[in-house]
């Protein structure tokens, strides 16, 4: 008799059972220890899914190693001859891992996601920059300097300054999360976001200036 694989699982470690043979399965087990069948992905946060501690500071090499090690376990080639239910579950595992990795590899997405985990009521307000006079003034001054210059060297200096400020903002975000100062983490995340966007726009400006000087 064919048994349909469940669509989702919120079982805890004490009540998780294999959808095929009904043997006990650990809450984070990817396969049943009794019959070896792939289990549905559990309802885990992105950190737990990749076996990483919850926090802003992440070692990039460790993150990538954990991600690629887990992805290999669910590569389609490993399930080519398995029943359709197992292939579908393996794909769900791979998709969940991709989502977790995409969130955690980006400092900005990681910060916003972590704020949401630590404060379920949190929602990034895109107008927060406008509510912080110092942040708004800094953003306006950088934009004016970028728009007014026609010198590629000046753009390079603006980018270098923004990169230094990005590194400083990341350090402050890290410390704020470590000390559970979520309001400060939120404010510095807003600063990091606009600085990153400024660097992106400055690169475009630099490219246009270079193209103009070569024609």
N, C-alpha and C. Protein backbone atom coordinates (compact mmCIF):
# COMPACT_ATOMS: atom_id res chain seq x y z
N UNK A 1 0.84 -1.20 0.00
CA UNK A 1 0.00 0.00 0.00
C UNK A 1 0.87 1.24 0.00
N UNK A 2 0.58 2.18 -0.90
CA UNK A 2 1.32 3.42 -0.96
C UNK A 2 0.83 4.37 0.14
N UNK A 3 1.78 5.01 0.81
CA UNK A 3 1.45 5.96 1.85
C UNK A 3 1.91 7.33 1.40
N UNK A 4 1.00 8.29 1.36
CA UNK A 4 1.34 9.63 0.91
C UNK A 4 2.19 10.33 1.95
N UNK A 5 3.24 10.99 1.47
CA UNK A 5 4.10 11.74 2.38
C UNK A 5 3.36 12.98 2.86
N UNK A 6 3.51 13.34 4.12
CA UNK A 6 2.83 14.53 4.65
C UNK A 6 3.35 15.79 4.00
N UNK A 7 2.52 16.82 3.96
CA UNK A 7 2.91 18.08 3.35
C UNK A 7 3.77 18.93 4.27
N UNK A 8 3.59 18.79 5.55
CA UNK A 8 4.34 19.60 6.50
C UNK A 8 4.44 18.86 7.81
N UNK A 9 5.40 19.26 8.64
CA UNK A 9 5.56 18.61 9.93
C UNK A 9 5.93 19.64 10.98
N UNK A 10 5.13 19.67 12.06
CA UNK A 10 5.44 20.52 13.21
C UNK A 10 5.63 19.65 14.45
N UNK A 11 5.93 18.37 14.24
CA UNK A 11 6.09 17.45 15.35
C UNK A 11 7.31 17.82 16.18
N UNK A 12 7.24 17.54 17.46
CA UNK A 12 8.37 17.76 18.35
C UNK A 12 9.20 16.50 18.42
N UNK A 13 10.33 16.58 19.11
CA UNK A 13 11.24 15.44 19.22
C UNK A 13 10.55 14.26 19.91
N UNK A 14 9.58 14.53 20.80
CA UNK A 14 8.96 13.46 21.58
C UNK A 14 7.86 12.74 20.81
N UNK A 15 7.27 13.39 19.79
CA UNK A 15 6.15 12.75 19.12
C UNK A 15 6.37 12.52 17.63
N UNK A 16 7.56 12.84 17.09
CA UNK A 16 7.81 12.68 15.67
C UNK A 16 7.87 11.20 15.30
N UNK A 17 7.16 10.85 14.24
CA UNK A 17 7.18 9.48 13.75
C UNK A 17 7.35 9.46 12.25
N UNK A 18 7.92 8.40 11.73
CA UNK A 18 8.13 8.25 10.29
C UNK A 18 6.80 8.14 9.58
N UNK A 19 6.64 8.87 8.49
CA UNK A 19 5.39 8.85 7.75
C UNK A 19 5.17 7.52 7.02
N UNK A 20 6.25 6.75 6.83
CA UNK A 20 6.14 5.47 6.12
C UNK A 20 5.96 4.30 7.09
N UNK A 21 6.89 4.15 8.06
CA UNK A 21 6.86 2.96 8.93
C UNK A 21 6.39 3.25 10.34
N UNK A 22 6.21 4.55 10.67
CA UNK A 22 5.72 5.01 11.97
C UNK A 22 6.70 4.80 13.10
N UNK A 23 7.96 4.54 12.79
CA UNK A 23 8.98 4.44 13.83
C UNK A 23 9.27 5.83 14.37
N UNK A 24 9.80 5.90 15.58
CA UNK A 24 10.15 7.18 16.15
C UNK A 24 11.30 7.83 15.39
N UNK A 25 11.17 9.13 15.18
CA UNK A 25 12.18 9.88 14.43
C UNK A 25 12.50 11.17 15.20
N UNK A 26 13.76 11.48 15.34
CA UNK A 26 14.16 12.73 15.99
C UNK A 26 13.60 13.92 15.25
N UNK A 27 13.33 14.99 15.96
CA UNK A 27 12.67 16.15 15.35
C UNK A 27 13.47 16.76 14.22
N UNK A 28 14.80 16.65 14.25
CA UNK A 28 15.61 17.25 13.20
C UNK A 28 16.21 16.21 12.26
N UNK A 29 15.77 14.96 12.37
CA UNK A 29 16.30 13.90 11.51
C UNK A 29 15.80 14.08 10.09
N UNK A 30 16.71 13.93 9.14
CA UNK A 30 16.33 14.05 7.74
C UNK A 30 15.81 12.73 7.17
N UNK A 31 16.15 11.62 7.83
CA UNK A 31 15.72 10.31 7.36
C UNK A 31 15.35 9.43 8.55
N UNK A 32 14.47 8.48 8.33
CA UNK A 32 14.04 7.57 9.37
C UNK A 32 15.17 6.60 9.70
N UNK A 33 15.53 6.45 10.98
CA UNK A 33 16.61 5.53 11.34
C UNK A 33 16.22 4.07 11.14
N UNK A 34 14.92 3.79 11.05
CA UNK A 34 14.46 2.40 10.90
C UNK A 34 14.39 1.97 9.44
N UNK A 35 13.72 2.78 8.60
CA UNK A 35 13.53 2.37 7.21
C UNK A 35 14.34 3.21 6.22
N UNK A 36 14.95 4.29 6.68
CA UNK A 36 15.80 5.09 5.81
C UNK A 36 15.07 6.06 4.91
N UNK A 37 13.75 6.15 5.02
CA UNK A 37 12.97 7.03 4.15
C UNK A 37 13.17 8.50 4.56
N UNK A 38 13.26 9.36 3.56
CA UNK A 38 13.41 10.80 3.81
C UNK A 38 12.18 11.32 4.54
N UNK A 39 12.40 12.17 5.54
CA UNK A 39 11.31 12.75 6.32
C UNK A 39 11.01 14.17 5.85
N UNK A 40 9.83 14.67 6.14
CA UNK A 40 9.50 16.05 5.75
C UNK A 40 10.41 17.04 6.48
N UNK A 41 10.74 18.16 5.86
CA UNK A 41 11.52 19.20 6.56
C UNK A 41 10.74 19.69 7.77
N UNK A 42 11.43 19.85 8.89
CA UNK A 42 10.77 20.34 10.10
C UNK A 42 10.62 21.86 10.05
N UNK A 43 9.78 22.37 10.92
CA UNK A 43 9.56 23.81 11.01
C UNK A 43 10.68 24.43 11.85
N UNK A 44 11.82 24.67 11.21
CA UNK A 44 13.00 25.20 11.88
C UNK A 44 13.31 26.60 11.37
N UNK A 45 13.94 27.41 12.22
CA UNK A 45 14.41 28.70 11.70
C UNK A 45 15.65 28.45 10.86
N UNK A 46 16.08 29.46 10.11
CA UNK A 46 17.17 29.28 9.16
C UNK A 46 18.48 28.88 9.84
N UNK A 47 18.72 29.39 11.02
CA UNK A 47 19.94 29.04 11.74
C UNK A 47 19.93 27.56 12.13
N UNK A 48 18.82 27.13 12.73
CA UNK A 48 18.71 25.74 13.16
C UNK A 48 18.77 24.79 11.96
N UNK A 49 18.17 25.19 10.84
CA UNK A 49 18.16 24.31 9.67
C UNK A 49 19.58 24.02 9.17
N UNK A 50 20.46 25.00 9.33
CA UNK A 50 21.84 24.82 8.90
C UNK A 50 22.75 24.42 10.06
N UNK A 51 22.17 24.15 11.21
CA UNK A 51 22.96 23.71 12.35
C UNK A 51 23.90 24.77 12.88
N UNK A 52 23.45 26.02 12.84
CA UNK A 52 24.30 27.14 13.27
C UNK A 52 23.67 27.84 14.47
N UNK A 53 24.50 28.42 15.35
CA UNK A 53 23.95 29.17 16.48
C UNK A 53 23.24 30.42 15.99
N UNK A 54 22.18 30.79 16.68
CA UNK A 54 21.42 31.96 16.28
C UNK A 54 22.18 33.23 16.69
N UNK A 55 22.55 34.04 15.72
CA UNK A 55 23.27 35.27 15.99
C UNK A 55 23.70 35.94 14.71
N UNK A 56 24.05 37.23 14.80
CA UNK A 56 24.42 37.97 13.60
C UNK A 56 25.81 37.57 13.09
N UNK A 57 26.73 37.35 14.02
CA UNK A 57 28.11 37.02 13.64
C UNK A 57 28.17 35.58 13.12
N UNK A 58 28.49 35.43 11.85
CA UNK A 58 28.60 34.10 11.26
C UNK A 58 29.92 34.00 10.50
N UNK A 59 30.58 32.87 10.64
CA UNK A 59 31.79 32.62 9.87
C UNK A 59 31.36 32.15 8.47
N UNK A 60 31.78 32.89 7.45
CA UNK A 60 31.34 32.59 6.09
C UNK A 60 31.73 31.19 5.66
N UNK A 61 32.95 30.76 6.00
CA UNK A 61 33.41 29.42 5.60
C UNK A 61 32.56 28.34 6.27
N UNK A 62 32.22 28.53 7.52
CA UNK A 62 31.38 27.56 8.23
C UNK A 62 29.99 27.50 7.63
N UNK A 63 29.43 28.67 7.34
CA UNK A 63 28.11 28.73 6.72
C UNK A 63 28.09 27.97 5.40
N UNK A 64 29.07 28.22 4.56
CA UNK A 64 29.10 27.56 3.25
C UNK A 64 29.33 26.06 3.39
N UNK A 65 30.19 25.67 4.33
CA UNK A 65 30.45 24.24 4.51
C UNK A 65 29.19 23.51 4.97
N UNK A 66 28.47 24.10 5.93
CA UNK A 66 27.25 23.48 6.40
C UNK A 66 26.21 23.39 5.28
N UNK A 67 26.09 24.46 4.51
CA UNK A 67 25.10 24.48 3.44
C UNK A 67 25.40 23.42 2.38
N UNK A 68 26.63 23.39 1.88
CA UNK A 68 26.95 22.46 0.80
C UNK A 68 26.95 21.01 1.28
N UNK A 69 27.34 20.77 2.53
CA UNK A 69 27.28 19.41 3.07
C UNK A 69 25.84 18.91 3.12
N UNK A 70 24.94 19.76 3.56
CA UNK A 70 23.52 19.37 3.64
C UNK A 70 22.89 19.26 2.27
N UNK A 71 23.24 20.17 1.37
CA UNK A 71 22.67 20.11 0.02
C UNK A 71 23.05 18.82 -0.69
N UNK A 72 24.29 18.35 -0.47
CA UNK A 72 24.71 17.10 -1.12
C UNK A 72 23.82 15.93 -0.70
N UNK A 73 23.31 15.98 0.53
CA UNK A 73 22.47 14.88 1.02
C UNK A 73 21.15 14.81 0.26
N UNK A 74 20.74 15.93 -0.34
CA UNK A 74 19.45 15.97 -1.00
C UNK A 74 19.56 16.25 -2.50
N UNK A 75 20.73 16.00 -3.06
CA UNK A 75 20.91 16.21 -4.49
C UNK A 75 19.99 15.26 -5.27
N UNK A 76 19.35 15.74 -6.34
CA UNK A 76 18.42 14.89 -7.11
C UNK A 76 19.02 13.57 -7.56
N UNK A 77 20.31 13.53 -7.87
CA UNK A 77 20.93 12.29 -8.34
C UNK A 77 20.87 11.19 -7.29
N UNK A 78 20.85 11.57 -6.03
CA UNK A 78 20.82 10.58 -4.95
C UNK A 78 19.44 9.93 -4.81
N UNK A 79 18.43 10.55 -5.45
CA UNK A 79 17.06 10.04 -5.30
C UNK A 79 16.44 9.67 -6.63
N UNK A 80 17.29 9.54 -7.65
CA UNK A 80 16.77 9.26 -9.00
C UNK A 80 15.93 7.99 -9.05
N UNK A 81 16.32 6.96 -8.29
CA UNK A 81 15.58 5.69 -8.34
C UNK A 81 14.62 5.50 -7.20
N UNK A 82 14.36 6.54 -6.40
CA UNK A 82 13.48 6.42 -5.25
C UNK A 82 12.04 6.79 -5.63
N UNK A 83 11.08 6.38 -4.82
CA UNK A 83 9.67 6.72 -5.11
C UNK A 83 9.44 8.22 -5.21
N UNK A 84 8.36 8.58 -5.88
CA UNK A 84 8.06 9.99 -6.11
C UNK A 84 7.91 10.76 -4.80
N UNK A 85 7.33 10.10 -3.76
CA UNK A 85 7.16 10.80 -2.48
C UNK A 85 8.50 11.23 -1.90
N UNK A 86 9.48 10.37 -1.98
CA UNK A 86 10.80 10.70 -1.43
C UNK A 86 11.50 11.76 -2.27
N UNK A 87 11.36 11.69 -3.58
CA UNK A 87 11.95 12.72 -4.43
C UNK A 87 11.36 14.09 -4.10
N UNK A 88 10.05 14.12 -3.87
CA UNK A 88 9.39 15.38 -3.53
C UNK A 88 9.88 15.91 -2.19
N UNK A 89 10.06 15.03 -1.22
CA UNK A 89 10.54 15.46 0.10
C UNK A 89 11.98 15.96 0.02
N UNK A 90 12.81 15.27 -0.77
CA UNK A 90 14.19 15.71 -0.93
C UNK A 90 14.24 17.10 -1.55
N UNK A 91 13.36 17.35 -2.52
CA UNK A 91 13.30 18.67 -3.15
C UNK A 91 12.87 19.72 -2.14
N UNK A 92 11.95 19.40 -1.26
CA UNK A 92 11.52 20.34 -0.24
C UNK A 92 12.67 20.66 0.73
N UNK A 93 13.45 19.63 1.08
CA UNK A 93 14.62 19.88 1.92
C UNK A 93 15.59 20.82 1.22
N UNK A 94 15.86 20.54 -0.04
CA UNK A 94 16.81 21.37 -0.80
C UNK A 94 16.31 22.81 -0.91
N UNK A 95 15.02 22.97 -1.13
CA UNK A 95 14.44 24.31 -1.24
C UNK A 95 14.54 25.07 0.08
N UNK A 96 14.26 24.38 1.19
CA UNK A 96 14.35 25.01 2.51
C UNK A 96 15.79 25.40 2.82
N UNK A 97 16.74 24.57 2.43
CA UNK A 97 18.15 24.88 2.65
C UNK A 97 18.58 26.09 1.81
N UNK A 98 18.11 26.14 0.57
CA UNK A 98 18.43 27.29 -0.28
C UNK A 98 17.92 28.60 0.33
N UNK A 99 16.70 28.55 0.84
CA UNK A 99 16.11 29.74 1.45
C UNK A 99 16.91 30.18 2.68
N UNK A 100 17.28 29.20 3.51
CA UNK A 100 18.05 29.51 4.71
C UNK A 100 19.40 30.13 4.34
N UNK A 101 20.07 29.53 3.36
CA UNK A 101 21.39 30.02 2.95
C UNK A 101 21.29 31.42 2.36
N UNK A 102 20.28 31.66 1.52
CA UNK A 102 20.12 32.97 0.90
C UNK A 102 19.90 34.06 1.95
N UNK A 103 19.19 33.73 3.01
CA UNK A 103 18.96 34.72 4.07
C UNK A 103 20.22 34.97 4.90
N UNK A 104 20.92 33.92 5.24
CA UNK A 104 22.03 34.07 6.18
C UNK A 104 23.32 34.56 5.53
N UNK A 105 23.50 34.34 4.24
CA UNK A 105 24.75 34.78 3.61
C UNK A 105 24.78 36.29 3.41
N UNK A 106 23.62 36.93 3.39
CA UNK A 106 23.53 38.38 3.20
C UNK A 106 23.45 39.05 4.57
N UNK A 107 24.42 39.90 4.92
CA UNK A 107 24.36 40.57 6.23
C UNK A 107 23.07 41.35 6.44
N UNK A 108 22.57 42.01 5.40
CA UNK A 108 21.34 42.78 5.54
C UNK A 108 20.15 41.88 5.79
N UNK A 109 19.98 40.85 4.97
CA UNK A 109 18.86 39.94 5.15
C UNK A 109 18.98 39.19 6.47
N UNK A 110 20.21 38.85 6.85
CA UNK A 110 20.42 38.16 8.13
C UNK A 110 20.00 39.04 9.30
N UNK A 111 20.36 40.32 9.26
CA UNK A 111 20.02 41.24 10.34
C UNK A 111 18.50 41.40 10.45
N UNK A 112 17.83 41.62 9.32
CA UNK A 112 16.38 41.80 9.33
C UNK A 112 15.69 40.52 9.81
N UNK A 113 16.17 39.37 9.34
CA UNK A 113 15.59 38.09 9.75
C UNK A 113 15.78 37.85 11.24
N UNK A 114 16.99 38.15 11.74
CA UNK A 114 17.27 37.93 13.15
C UNK A 114 16.43 38.85 14.03
N UNK A 115 16.24 40.08 13.59
CA UNK A 115 15.37 40.99 14.34
C UNK A 115 13.95 40.41 14.44
N UNK A 116 13.49 39.81 13.37
CA UNK A 116 12.16 39.20 13.38
C UNK A 116 12.08 37.99 14.31
N UNK A 117 13.18 37.22 14.39
CA UNK A 117 13.20 36.07 15.29
C UNK A 117 13.20 36.50 16.75
N UNK A 118 14.00 37.50 17.05
CA UNK A 118 14.15 37.94 18.44
C UNK A 118 12.98 38.79 18.91
N UNK A 119 12.32 39.44 17.96
CA UNK A 119 11.16 40.27 18.29
C UNK A 119 10.06 39.95 17.28
N UNK A 120 9.17 39.01 17.59
CA UNK A 120 8.12 38.60 16.64
C UNK A 120 7.26 39.75 16.14
N UNK A 121 7.19 40.84 16.92
CA UNK A 121 6.37 41.98 16.49
C UNK A 121 7.13 42.91 15.57
N UNK A 122 8.42 42.62 15.33
CA UNK A 122 9.26 43.51 14.53
C UNK A 122 8.84 43.50 13.07
N UNK A 123 8.85 44.68 12.47
CA UNK A 123 8.66 44.82 11.03
C UNK A 123 9.43 46.04 10.60
N UNK A 124 10.35 45.85 9.65
CA UNK A 124 11.18 46.98 9.22
C UNK A 124 10.32 48.05 8.57
N UNK A 125 10.42 49.24 9.12
CA UNK A 125 9.70 50.40 8.61
C UNK A 125 10.61 51.14 7.64
N UNK A 126 10.25 51.16 6.38
CA UNK A 126 11.10 51.78 5.37
C UNK A 126 11.26 53.28 5.58
N UNK A 127 10.42 53.87 6.42
CA UNK A 127 10.53 55.30 6.67
C UNK A 127 11.40 55.62 7.88
N UNK A 128 12.04 54.58 8.48
CA UNK A 128 12.84 54.81 9.68
C UNK A 128 13.97 55.80 9.42
N UNK A 129 14.56 55.76 8.24
CA UNK A 129 15.65 56.69 7.94
C UNK A 129 15.16 58.13 8.06
N UNK A 130 13.93 58.39 7.62
CA UNK A 130 13.40 59.74 7.69
C UNK A 130 13.15 60.19 9.13
N UNK A 131 13.01 59.23 10.06
CA UNK A 131 12.74 59.57 11.45
C UNK A 131 14.03 59.82 12.24
N UNK A 132 15.16 59.53 11.65
CA UNK A 132 16.45 59.73 12.31
C UNK A 132 17.15 60.90 11.61
N UNK A 133 17.13 62.08 12.21
CA UNK A 133 17.69 63.28 11.55
C UNK A 133 19.15 63.11 11.14
N UNK A 134 19.97 62.51 12.01
CA UNK A 134 21.39 62.34 11.68
C UNK A 134 21.57 61.42 10.50
N UNK A 135 20.79 60.35 10.48
CA UNK A 135 20.88 59.38 9.38
C UNK A 135 20.42 60.02 8.07
N UNK A 136 19.35 60.77 8.14
CA UNK A 136 18.81 61.43 6.95
C UNK A 136 19.79 62.46 6.41
N UNK A 137 20.39 63.26 7.29
CA UNK A 137 21.34 64.28 6.86
C UNK A 137 22.55 63.64 6.20
N UNK A 138 23.05 62.57 6.80
CA UNK A 138 24.21 61.87 6.22
C UNK A 138 23.88 61.35 4.83
N UNK A 139 22.70 60.75 4.69
CA UNK A 139 22.29 60.21 3.39
C UNK A 139 22.18 61.32 2.34
N UNK A 140 21.58 62.44 2.72
CA UNK A 140 21.41 63.55 1.78
C UNK A 140 22.76 64.13 1.35
N UNK A 141 23.68 64.30 2.29
CA UNK A 141 24.98 64.86 1.97
C UNK A 141 25.76 63.96 1.01
N UNK A 142 25.71 62.66 1.24
CA UNK A 142 26.40 61.73 0.34
C UNK A 142 25.79 61.78 -1.06
N UNK A 143 24.46 61.83 -1.13
CA UNK A 143 23.79 61.87 -2.42
C UNK A 143 24.12 63.14 -3.18
N UNK A 144 24.13 64.24 -2.49
CA UNK A 144 24.45 65.51 -3.14
C UNK A 144 25.87 65.49 -3.69
N UNK A 145 26.81 64.99 -2.89
CA UNK A 145 28.20 64.93 -3.34
C UNK A 145 28.34 64.04 -4.57
N UNK A 146 27.60 62.93 -4.58
CA UNK A 146 27.67 62.00 -5.71
C UNK A 146 27.06 62.62 -6.96
N UNK A 147 25.94 63.28 -6.81
CA UNK A 147 25.25 63.85 -7.97
C UNK A 147 25.97 65.06 -8.55
N UNK A 148 26.69 65.79 -7.71
CA UNK A 148 27.35 67.01 -8.17
C UNK A 148 28.70 66.77 -8.82
N UNK A 149 29.36 65.66 -8.49
CA UNK A 149 30.70 65.46 -9.01
C UNK A 149 30.68 64.92 -10.44
N UNK A 150 31.67 65.34 -11.18
CA UNK A 150 31.88 64.80 -12.54
C UNK A 150 33.26 64.16 -12.63
N UNK A 151 33.86 63.93 -11.48
CA UNK A 151 35.22 63.39 -11.41
C UNK A 151 35.18 61.96 -10.88
N UNK A 152 35.71 61.02 -11.66
CA UNK A 152 35.70 59.62 -11.26
C UNK A 152 36.49 59.40 -9.98
N UNK A 153 37.57 60.14 -9.79
CA UNK A 153 38.36 59.99 -8.59
C UNK A 153 37.59 60.36 -7.34
N UNK A 154 36.75 61.39 -7.44
CA UNK A 154 35.91 61.79 -6.31
C UNK A 154 34.91 60.69 -5.98
N UNK A 155 34.35 60.07 -7.01
CA UNK A 155 33.41 58.96 -6.79
C UNK A 155 34.12 57.83 -6.06
N UNK A 156 35.36 57.53 -6.47
CA UNK A 156 36.12 56.46 -5.81
C UNK A 156 36.32 56.77 -4.33
N UNK A 157 36.58 58.03 -4.01
CA UNK A 157 36.77 58.41 -2.61
C UNK A 157 35.47 58.30 -1.83
N UNK A 158 34.36 58.66 -2.47
CA UNK A 158 33.06 58.52 -1.81
C UNK A 158 32.74 57.05 -1.53
N UNK A 159 33.06 56.19 -2.47
CA UNK A 159 32.82 54.75 -2.30
C UNK A 159 33.70 54.21 -1.18
N UNK A 160 34.97 54.61 -1.17
CA UNK A 160 35.88 54.13 -0.13
C UNK A 160 35.40 54.55 1.26
N UNK A 161 34.92 55.78 1.38
CA UNK A 161 34.41 56.25 2.66
C UNK A 161 33.16 55.47 3.07
N UNK A 162 32.29 55.20 2.10
CA UNK A 162 31.07 54.44 2.40
C UNK A 162 31.41 53.02 2.83
N UNK A 163 32.40 52.42 2.20
CA UNK A 163 32.81 51.07 2.57
C UNK A 163 33.34 51.03 4.00
N UNK A 164 34.12 52.04 4.39
CA UNK A 164 34.61 52.10 5.77
C UNK A 164 33.44 52.23 6.74
N UNK A 165 32.45 53.02 6.37
CA UNK A 165 31.29 53.20 7.24
C UNK A 165 30.43 51.93 7.29
N UNK A 166 30.42 51.19 6.19
CA UNK A 166 29.70 49.91 6.18
C UNK A 166 30.35 48.94 7.17
N UNK A 167 31.67 48.86 7.14
CA UNK A 167 32.37 47.98 8.07
C UNK A 167 32.09 48.38 9.52
N UNK A 168 32.07 49.70 9.78
CA UNK A 168 31.79 50.18 11.13
C UNK A 168 30.35 49.84 11.53
N UNK A 169 29.41 50.00 10.59
CA UNK A 169 28.00 49.69 10.88
C UNK A 169 27.82 48.21 11.18
N UNK A 170 28.51 47.36 10.42
CA UNK A 170 28.41 45.92 10.67
C UNK A 170 28.92 45.57 12.07
N UNK A 171 29.99 46.22 12.48
CA UNK A 171 30.51 46.00 13.82
C UNK A 171 29.52 46.41 14.89
N UNK A 172 28.86 47.54 14.67
CA UNK A 172 27.86 48.00 15.64
C UNK A 172 26.63 47.09 15.66
N UNK A 173 26.24 46.58 14.50
CA UNK A 173 25.12 45.64 14.45
C UNK A 173 25.45 44.39 15.24
N UNK A 174 26.65 43.88 15.04
CA UNK A 174 27.09 42.68 15.75
C UNK A 174 27.04 42.88 17.25
N UNK A 175 27.59 44.01 17.72
CA UNK A 175 27.60 44.28 19.16
C UNK A 175 26.19 44.47 19.70
N UNK A 176 25.34 45.14 18.93
CA UNK A 176 23.97 45.38 19.38
C UNK A 176 23.21 44.08 19.56
N UNK A 177 23.37 43.16 18.61
CA UNK A 177 22.71 41.87 18.74
C UNK A 177 23.28 41.08 19.92
N UNK A 178 24.60 41.10 20.07
CA UNK A 178 25.23 40.35 21.16
C UNK A 178 24.74 40.84 22.51
N UNK A 179 24.42 42.12 22.61
CA UNK A 179 23.96 42.71 23.87
C UNK A 179 22.44 42.86 23.91
N UNK A 180 21.77 42.29 22.90
CA UNK A 180 20.30 42.33 22.81
C UNK A 180 19.75 43.75 22.83
N UNK A 181 20.46 44.68 22.21
CA UNK A 181 19.98 46.05 22.03
C UNK A 181 19.31 46.11 20.65
N UNK A 182 18.10 45.62 20.57
CA UNK A 182 17.45 45.45 19.28
C UNK A 182 17.12 46.78 18.61
N UNK A 183 16.81 47.80 19.40
CA UNK A 183 16.54 49.11 18.81
C UNK A 183 17.78 49.64 18.09
N UNK A 184 18.95 49.48 18.73
CA UNK A 184 20.19 49.92 18.10
C UNK A 184 20.51 49.06 16.88
N UNK A 185 20.25 47.76 16.98
CA UNK A 185 20.49 46.87 15.84
C UNK A 185 19.63 47.28 14.65
N UNK A 186 18.39 47.66 14.93
CA UNK A 186 17.48 48.10 13.88
C UNK A 186 17.98 49.39 13.23
N UNK A 187 18.41 50.34 14.06
CA UNK A 187 18.89 51.61 13.52
C UNK A 187 20.14 51.42 12.66
N UNK A 188 21.07 50.59 13.13
CA UNK A 188 22.29 50.37 12.36
C UNK A 188 22.03 49.54 11.11
N UNK A 189 21.01 48.70 11.15
CA UNK A 189 20.62 47.95 9.96
C UNK A 189 20.10 48.91 8.89
N UNK A 190 19.34 49.93 9.31
CA UNK A 190 18.87 50.95 8.36
C UNK A 190 20.05 51.70 7.77
N UNK A 191 21.05 52.02 8.61
CA UNK A 191 22.25 52.72 8.12
C UNK A 191 23.00 51.84 7.11
N UNK A 192 23.17 50.58 7.45
CA UNK A 192 23.87 49.65 6.55
C UNK A 192 23.14 49.55 5.21
N UNK A 193 21.81 49.51 5.25
CA UNK A 193 21.03 49.36 4.01
C UNK A 193 21.25 50.54 3.08
N UNK A 194 21.18 51.76 3.61
CA UNK A 194 21.33 52.91 2.71
C UNK A 194 22.78 53.05 2.24
N UNK A 195 23.75 52.68 3.07
CA UNK A 195 25.14 52.73 2.63
C UNK A 195 25.40 51.74 1.50
N UNK A 196 24.85 50.55 1.64
CA UNK A 196 25.03 49.54 0.60
C UNK A 196 24.40 50.01 -0.72
N UNK A 197 23.23 50.63 -0.61
CA UNK A 197 22.57 51.16 -1.82
C UNK A 197 23.38 52.31 -2.41
N UNK A 198 23.97 53.13 -1.55
CA UNK A 198 24.79 54.23 -2.03
C UNK A 198 25.99 53.71 -2.82
N UNK A 199 26.66 52.70 -2.30
CA UNK A 199 27.81 52.12 -3.00
C UNK A 199 27.40 51.58 -4.36
N UNK A 200 26.25 50.92 -4.40
CA UNK A 200 25.75 50.39 -5.69
C UNK A 200 25.49 51.52 -6.68
N UNK A 201 24.86 52.59 -6.22
CA UNK A 201 24.56 53.72 -7.11
C UNK A 201 25.84 54.45 -7.53
N UNK A 202 26.80 54.53 -6.61
CA UNK A 202 28.07 55.19 -6.93
C UNK A 202 28.83 54.41 -8.00
N UNK A 203 28.76 53.10 -7.95
CA UNK A 203 29.40 52.28 -8.99
C UNK A 203 28.80 52.59 -10.36
N UNK A 204 27.47 52.71 -10.39
CA UNK A 204 26.81 53.05 -11.65
C UNK A 204 27.27 54.43 -12.14
N UNK A 205 27.37 55.37 -11.22
CA UNK A 205 27.84 56.72 -11.56
C UNK A 205 29.26 56.69 -12.10
N UNK A 206 30.10 55.92 -11.45
CA UNK A 206 31.50 55.77 -11.87
C UNK A 206 31.58 55.18 -13.27
N UNK A 207 30.75 54.19 -13.54
CA UNK A 207 30.75 53.56 -14.86
C UNK A 207 30.32 54.54 -15.95
N UNK A 208 29.29 55.33 -15.66
CA UNK A 208 28.81 56.30 -16.63
C UNK A 208 29.88 57.38 -16.89
N UNK A 209 30.58 57.82 -15.84
CA UNK A 209 31.63 58.81 -16.03
C UNK A 209 32.78 58.25 -16.87
N UNK A 210 33.13 57.00 -16.62
CA UNK A 210 34.20 56.36 -17.38
C UNK A 210 33.83 56.21 -18.85
N UNK A 211 32.58 55.83 -19.09
CA UNK A 211 32.12 55.68 -20.47
C UNK A 211 32.09 57.02 -21.19
N UNK A 212 31.72 58.05 -20.45
CA UNK A 212 31.67 59.38 -21.06
C UNK A 212 33.03 59.91 -21.43
N UNK A 213 34.05 59.58 -20.61
CA UNK A 213 35.40 60.08 -20.87
C UNK A 213 36.09 59.32 -22.00
N UNK A 214 35.54 58.14 -22.36
CA UNK A 214 36.18 57.33 -23.40
C UNK A 214 35.57 57.56 -24.76
N UNK A 215 34.51 58.40 -24.78
CA UNK A 215 33.87 58.65 -26.09
C UNK A 215 34.36 59.95 -26.70
